[in-house]
Amino acid sequence: MKPYSAYLFRFVVVMAIPIMLTGCAYIIKSSEIPLLQTGSPLKGISPKTFAFKEFRDIRWTDASLVGQLWASKIRLDQPAATVVATAIKKELERNGHTCLVDSPEVKANFVIEGIVFKYWFAIDKGFFSVKGTGNVAVKLTISAVSPNRGVLAKNYEGEYQLSRGGGLPIHIEEILNPALLAMIKEISTDPELIAFIEK
């Protein structure tokens, strides 16, 4: 019985240490979110200019909160709507396009608006394992500036799951960052969006 008790004690300690270290809040640094590394059909489109309106967040009143783990509130260092907008801008720029803040002086091909309706994580603990799920979603509205070019409004969502055994903890970034990138990849490879921008 001793080895089992020792293992159980080690599991509990390993799971508790990150929480004890974080205190009452844990901040995720948006500057450490990586860029998408895969190819994108966006690169094959002639360069366009996108004017970004300020994205909105309809999840809850706390714009940077992404969840809670026991007594610790987990937050982004910026509002979730800003993090999502920045990630989309970086993906467009990575593929040769220009992104600007929308204003009357800006000459753009398209105006982009966004509503963030998911940016959260969940941690499920089994007896000797832990599973994390991250989920990020946005409704994008892309309006062509030229007359008769129309509007594209569509939801994009990314989810990522990670399981780990042996009492090893899952860091929130390990599930939220890949979920955000999964959403960016969906945007970046969407045939309907590509066709809309290309025409």
Protein backbone atom coordinates (compact mmCIF):
# COMPACT_ATOMS: atom_id res chain seq x y z
CA MET A 1 0.00 0.00 0.00
CA LYS A 2 2.92 2.33 0.62
CA PRO A 3 3.99 2.81 -3.03
CA TYR A 4 0.40 3.65 -4.03
CA SER A 5 0.07 6.24 -1.24
CA ALA A 6 3.40 7.79 -2.15
CA TYR A 7 2.36 8.04 -5.80
CA LEU A 8 -0.97 9.61 -4.91
CA PHE A 9 0.75 12.13 -2.63
CA ARG A 10 3.23 13.05 -5.41
CA PHE A 11 0.34 13.48 -7.87
CA VAL A 12 -1.52 15.86 -5.55
CA VAL A 13 1.63 17.90 -4.83
CA VAL A 14 2.54 18.22 -8.53
CA MET A 15 -1.00 19.33 -9.39
CA ALA A 16 -1.11 21.85 -6.54
CA ILE A 17 2.28 23.54 -7.04
CA PRO A 18 1.32 25.63 -10.13
CA ILE A 19 -1.82 26.85 -8.37
CA MET A 20 0.04 27.79 -5.20
CA LEU A 21 2.61 29.68 -7.25
CA THR A 22 0.01 31.64 -9.18
CA GLY A 23 -1.80 33.00 -6.11
CA CYS A 24 -5.12 34.60 -7.00
CA ALA A 25 -4.41 35.40 -10.66
CA TYR A 26 -2.42 34.02 -13.53
CA ILE A 27 -1.61 36.21 -16.55
CA ILE A 28 -1.09 34.82 -20.06
CA LYS A 29 1.31 36.95 -22.12
CA SER A 30 -0.14 37.64 -25.56
CA SER A 31 3.34 38.50 -26.86
CA GLU A 32 4.27 34.82 -26.48
CA ILE A 33 1.49 33.54 -28.77
CA PRO A 34 3.30 32.10 -31.81
CA LEU A 35 2.47 32.80 -35.45
CA LEU A 36 0.89 30.16 -37.65
CA GLN A 37 3.65 28.26 -39.47
CA THR A 38 1.68 26.48 -42.21
CA GLY A 39 1.17 27.75 -45.75
CA SER A 40 -1.95 29.71 -46.66
CA PRO A 41 -3.88 30.47 -49.86
CA LEU A 42 -3.87 34.10 -48.66
CA LYS A 43 -0.29 34.31 -49.91
CA GLY A 44 -1.40 33.70 -53.49
CA ILE A 45 -3.74 36.72 -53.54
CA SER A 46 -2.49 40.08 -54.79
CA PRO A 47 -1.76 42.34 -51.77
CA LYS A 48 -4.84 43.90 -50.20
CA THR A 49 -5.31 46.52 -47.48
CA PHE A 50 -7.58 45.69 -44.55
CA ALA A 51 -8.98 48.35 -42.21
CA PHE A 52 -9.75 46.92 -38.76
CA LYS A 53 -12.56 48.25 -36.64
CA GLU A 54 -12.28 47.58 -32.90
CA PHE A 55 -13.36 44.01 -32.14
CA ARG A 56 -16.06 43.40 -29.52
CA ASP A 57 -16.20 40.74 -26.81
CA ILE A 58 -19.62 39.36 -25.86
CA ARG A 59 -18.44 36.58 -23.51
CA TRP A 60 -18.79 38.40 -20.19
CA THR A 61 -17.99 41.75 -18.62
CA ASP A 62 -14.35 40.95 -17.77
CA ALA A 63 -12.64 41.38 -21.14
CA SER A 64 -9.36 39.67 -20.24
CA LEU A 65 -10.74 36.72 -18.24
CA VAL A 66 -10.46 33.30 -19.91
CA GLY A 67 -11.43 31.07 -16.99
CA GLN A 68 -10.81 30.05 -13.43
CA LEU A 69 -8.75 27.23 -11.96
CA TRP A 70 -9.71 26.63 -8.34
CA ALA A 71 -9.18 29.99 -6.61
CA SER A 72 -7.07 31.48 -9.42
CA LYS A 73 -8.56 33.66 -12.15
CA ILE A 74 -6.77 33.15 -15.46
CA ARG A 75 -6.44 36.27 -17.58
CA LEU A 76 -4.85 37.51 -20.77
CA ASP A 77 -2.59 40.55 -20.46
CA GLN A 78 -4.86 42.32 -22.99
CA PRO A 79 -8.59 42.10 -23.73
CA ALA A 80 -9.48 38.88 -25.57
CA ALA A 81 -10.94 40.90 -28.47
CA THR A 82 -7.59 42.68 -28.91
CA VAL A 83 -5.66 39.39 -28.81
CA VAL A 84 -7.91 37.86 -31.48
CA ALA A 85 -7.77 40.94 -33.74
CA THR A 86 -3.97 41.08 -33.42
CA ALA A 87 -3.64 37.39 -34.32
CA ILE A 88 -5.76 37.89 -37.46
CA LYS A 89 -3.74 40.98 -38.44
CA LYS A 90 -0.47 39.08 -38.03
CA GLU A 91 -1.73 36.25 -40.23
CA LEU A 92 -2.79 38.65 -42.99
CA GLU A 93 0.53 40.51 -42.76
CA ARG A 94 2.47 37.23 -42.74
CA ASN A 95 0.89 36.52 -46.14
CA GLY A 96 1.78 39.88 -47.69
CA HIS A 97 -1.25 42.05 -46.90
CA THR A 98 -1.50 45.40 -45.09
CA CYS A 99 -3.57 45.95 -41.95
CA LEU A 100 -4.49 49.40 -40.62
CA VAL A 101 -6.79 50.83 -37.98
CA ASP A 102 -10.05 51.92 -39.62
CA SER A 103 -10.52 55.68 -39.95
CA PRO A 104 -12.03 58.06 -42.54
CA GLU A 105 -8.53 58.77 -43.90
CA VAL A 106 -7.64 55.12 -44.50
CA LYS A 107 -7.90 53.82 -48.06
CA ALA A 108 -8.58 50.11 -47.81
CA ASN A 109 -9.93 47.28 -49.96
CA PHE A 110 -11.82 45.72 -47.05
CA VAL A 111 -13.11 46.67 -43.61
CA ILE A 112 -13.01 43.94 -40.93
CA GLU A 113 -15.16 43.78 -37.81
CA GLY A 114 -15.12 40.99 -35.25
CA ILE A 115 -17.15 39.71 -32.31
CA VAL A 116 -15.36 37.32 -29.96
CA PHE A 117 -17.83 34.88 -28.43
CA LYS A 118 -15.50 32.16 -27.10
CA TYR A 119 -12.09 32.36 -25.47
CA TRP A 120 -11.89 29.86 -22.61
CA PHE A 121 -10.34 26.68 -21.30
CA ALA A 122 -11.45 23.67 -19.26
CA ILE A 123 -9.34 21.29 -17.19
CA ASP A 124 -10.69 17.82 -16.36
CA LYS A 125 -8.74 15.76 -13.87
CA GLY A 126 -8.92 11.99 -13.75
CA PHE A 127 -7.37 9.97 -10.96
CA PHE A 128 -3.92 9.79 -12.58
CA SER A 129 -4.37 11.99 -15.65
CA VAL A 130 -5.44 15.45 -16.68
CA LYS A 131 -7.13 16.69 -19.87
CA GLY A 132 -7.23 20.29 -21.05
CA THR A 133 -9.46 21.85 -23.71
CA GLY A 134 -9.07 25.31 -25.21
CA ASN A 135 -11.67 27.01 -27.38
CA VAL A 136 -11.56 30.34 -29.28
CA ALA A 137 -14.23 31.65 -31.67
CA VAL A 138 -15.00 34.87 -33.52
CA LYS A 139 -17.68 36.14 -35.89
CA LEU A 140 -15.96 38.06 -38.68
CA THR A 141 -17.68 40.56 -40.93
CA ILE A 142 -15.59 41.56 -43.94
CA SER A 143 -17.01 44.37 -46.06
CA ALA A 144 -15.64 45.24 -49.47
CA VAL A 145 -15.09 48.98 -49.87
CA SER A 146 -15.76 48.96 -53.62
CA PRO A 147 -19.46 49.18 -54.56
CA ASN A 148 -21.30 45.96 -55.40
CA ARG A 149 -18.60 43.76 -53.86
CA GLY A 150 -20.73 42.70 -50.91
CA VAL A 151 -20.14 41.50 -47.36
CA LEU A 152 -18.92 38.19 -45.93
CA ALA A 153 -20.08 37.36 -42.38
CA LYS A 154 -18.96 34.05 -40.92
CA ASN A 155 -18.08 32.31 -37.65
CA TYR A 156 -14.65 30.76 -37.17
CA GLU A 157 -13.71 28.50 -34.29
CA GLY A 158 -10.62 26.70 -33.04
CA GLU A 159 -10.43 23.96 -30.44
CA TYR A 160 -7.45 22.11 -29.01
CA GLN A 161 -7.25 19.24 -26.53
CA LEU A 162 -4.28 17.91 -24.62
CA SER A 163 -4.14 14.93 -22.27
CA ARG A 164 -1.31 14.18 -19.89
CA GLY A 165 -0.78 11.33 -17.44
CA GLY A 166 1.58 10.62 -14.60
CA GLY A 167 0.57 13.60 -12.52
CA LEU A 168 2.16 16.14 -14.88
CA PRO A 169 0.33 19.49 -15.01
CA ILE A 170 -1.02 21.19 -18.13
CA HIS A 171 -0.16 24.86 -18.53
CA ILE A 172 -3.06 26.96 -19.79
CA GLU A 173 -0.99 28.35 -22.70
CA GLU A 174 -0.51 24.79 -23.95
CA ILE A 175 -4.21 24.57 -24.81
CA LEU A 176 -5.31 28.18 -25.41
CA ASN A 177 -2.53 29.19 -27.83
CA PRO A 178 -3.06 26.17 -30.13
CA ALA A 179 -6.84 26.77 -30.01
CA LEU A 180 -6.30 30.36 -31.18
CA LEU A 181 -3.96 29.16 -33.94
CA ALA A 182 -6.51 26.54 -35.02
CA MET A 183 -9.05 29.33 -35.45
CA ILE A 184 -6.53 31.45 -37.39
CA LYS A 185 -5.79 28.49 -39.66
CA GLU A 186 -9.53 28.07 -40.34
CA ILE A 187 -9.73 31.74 -41.35
CA SER A 188 -6.53 31.60 -43.39
CA THR A 189 -7.58 28.55 -45.42
CA ASP A 190 -11.33 29.18 -45.79
CA PRO A 191 -12.17 28.85 -49.54
CA GLU A 192 -15.20 31.15 -49.18
CA LEU A 193 -13.13 33.92 -47.58
CA ILE A 194 -10.33 33.47 -50.15
CA ALA A 195 -12.81 33.71 -53.05
CA PHE A 196 -14.44 36.81 -51.52
CA ILE A 197 -11.11 38.63 -51.15
CA GLU A 198 -9.84 37.50 -54.53
CA LYS A 199 -12.76 38.59 -56.75
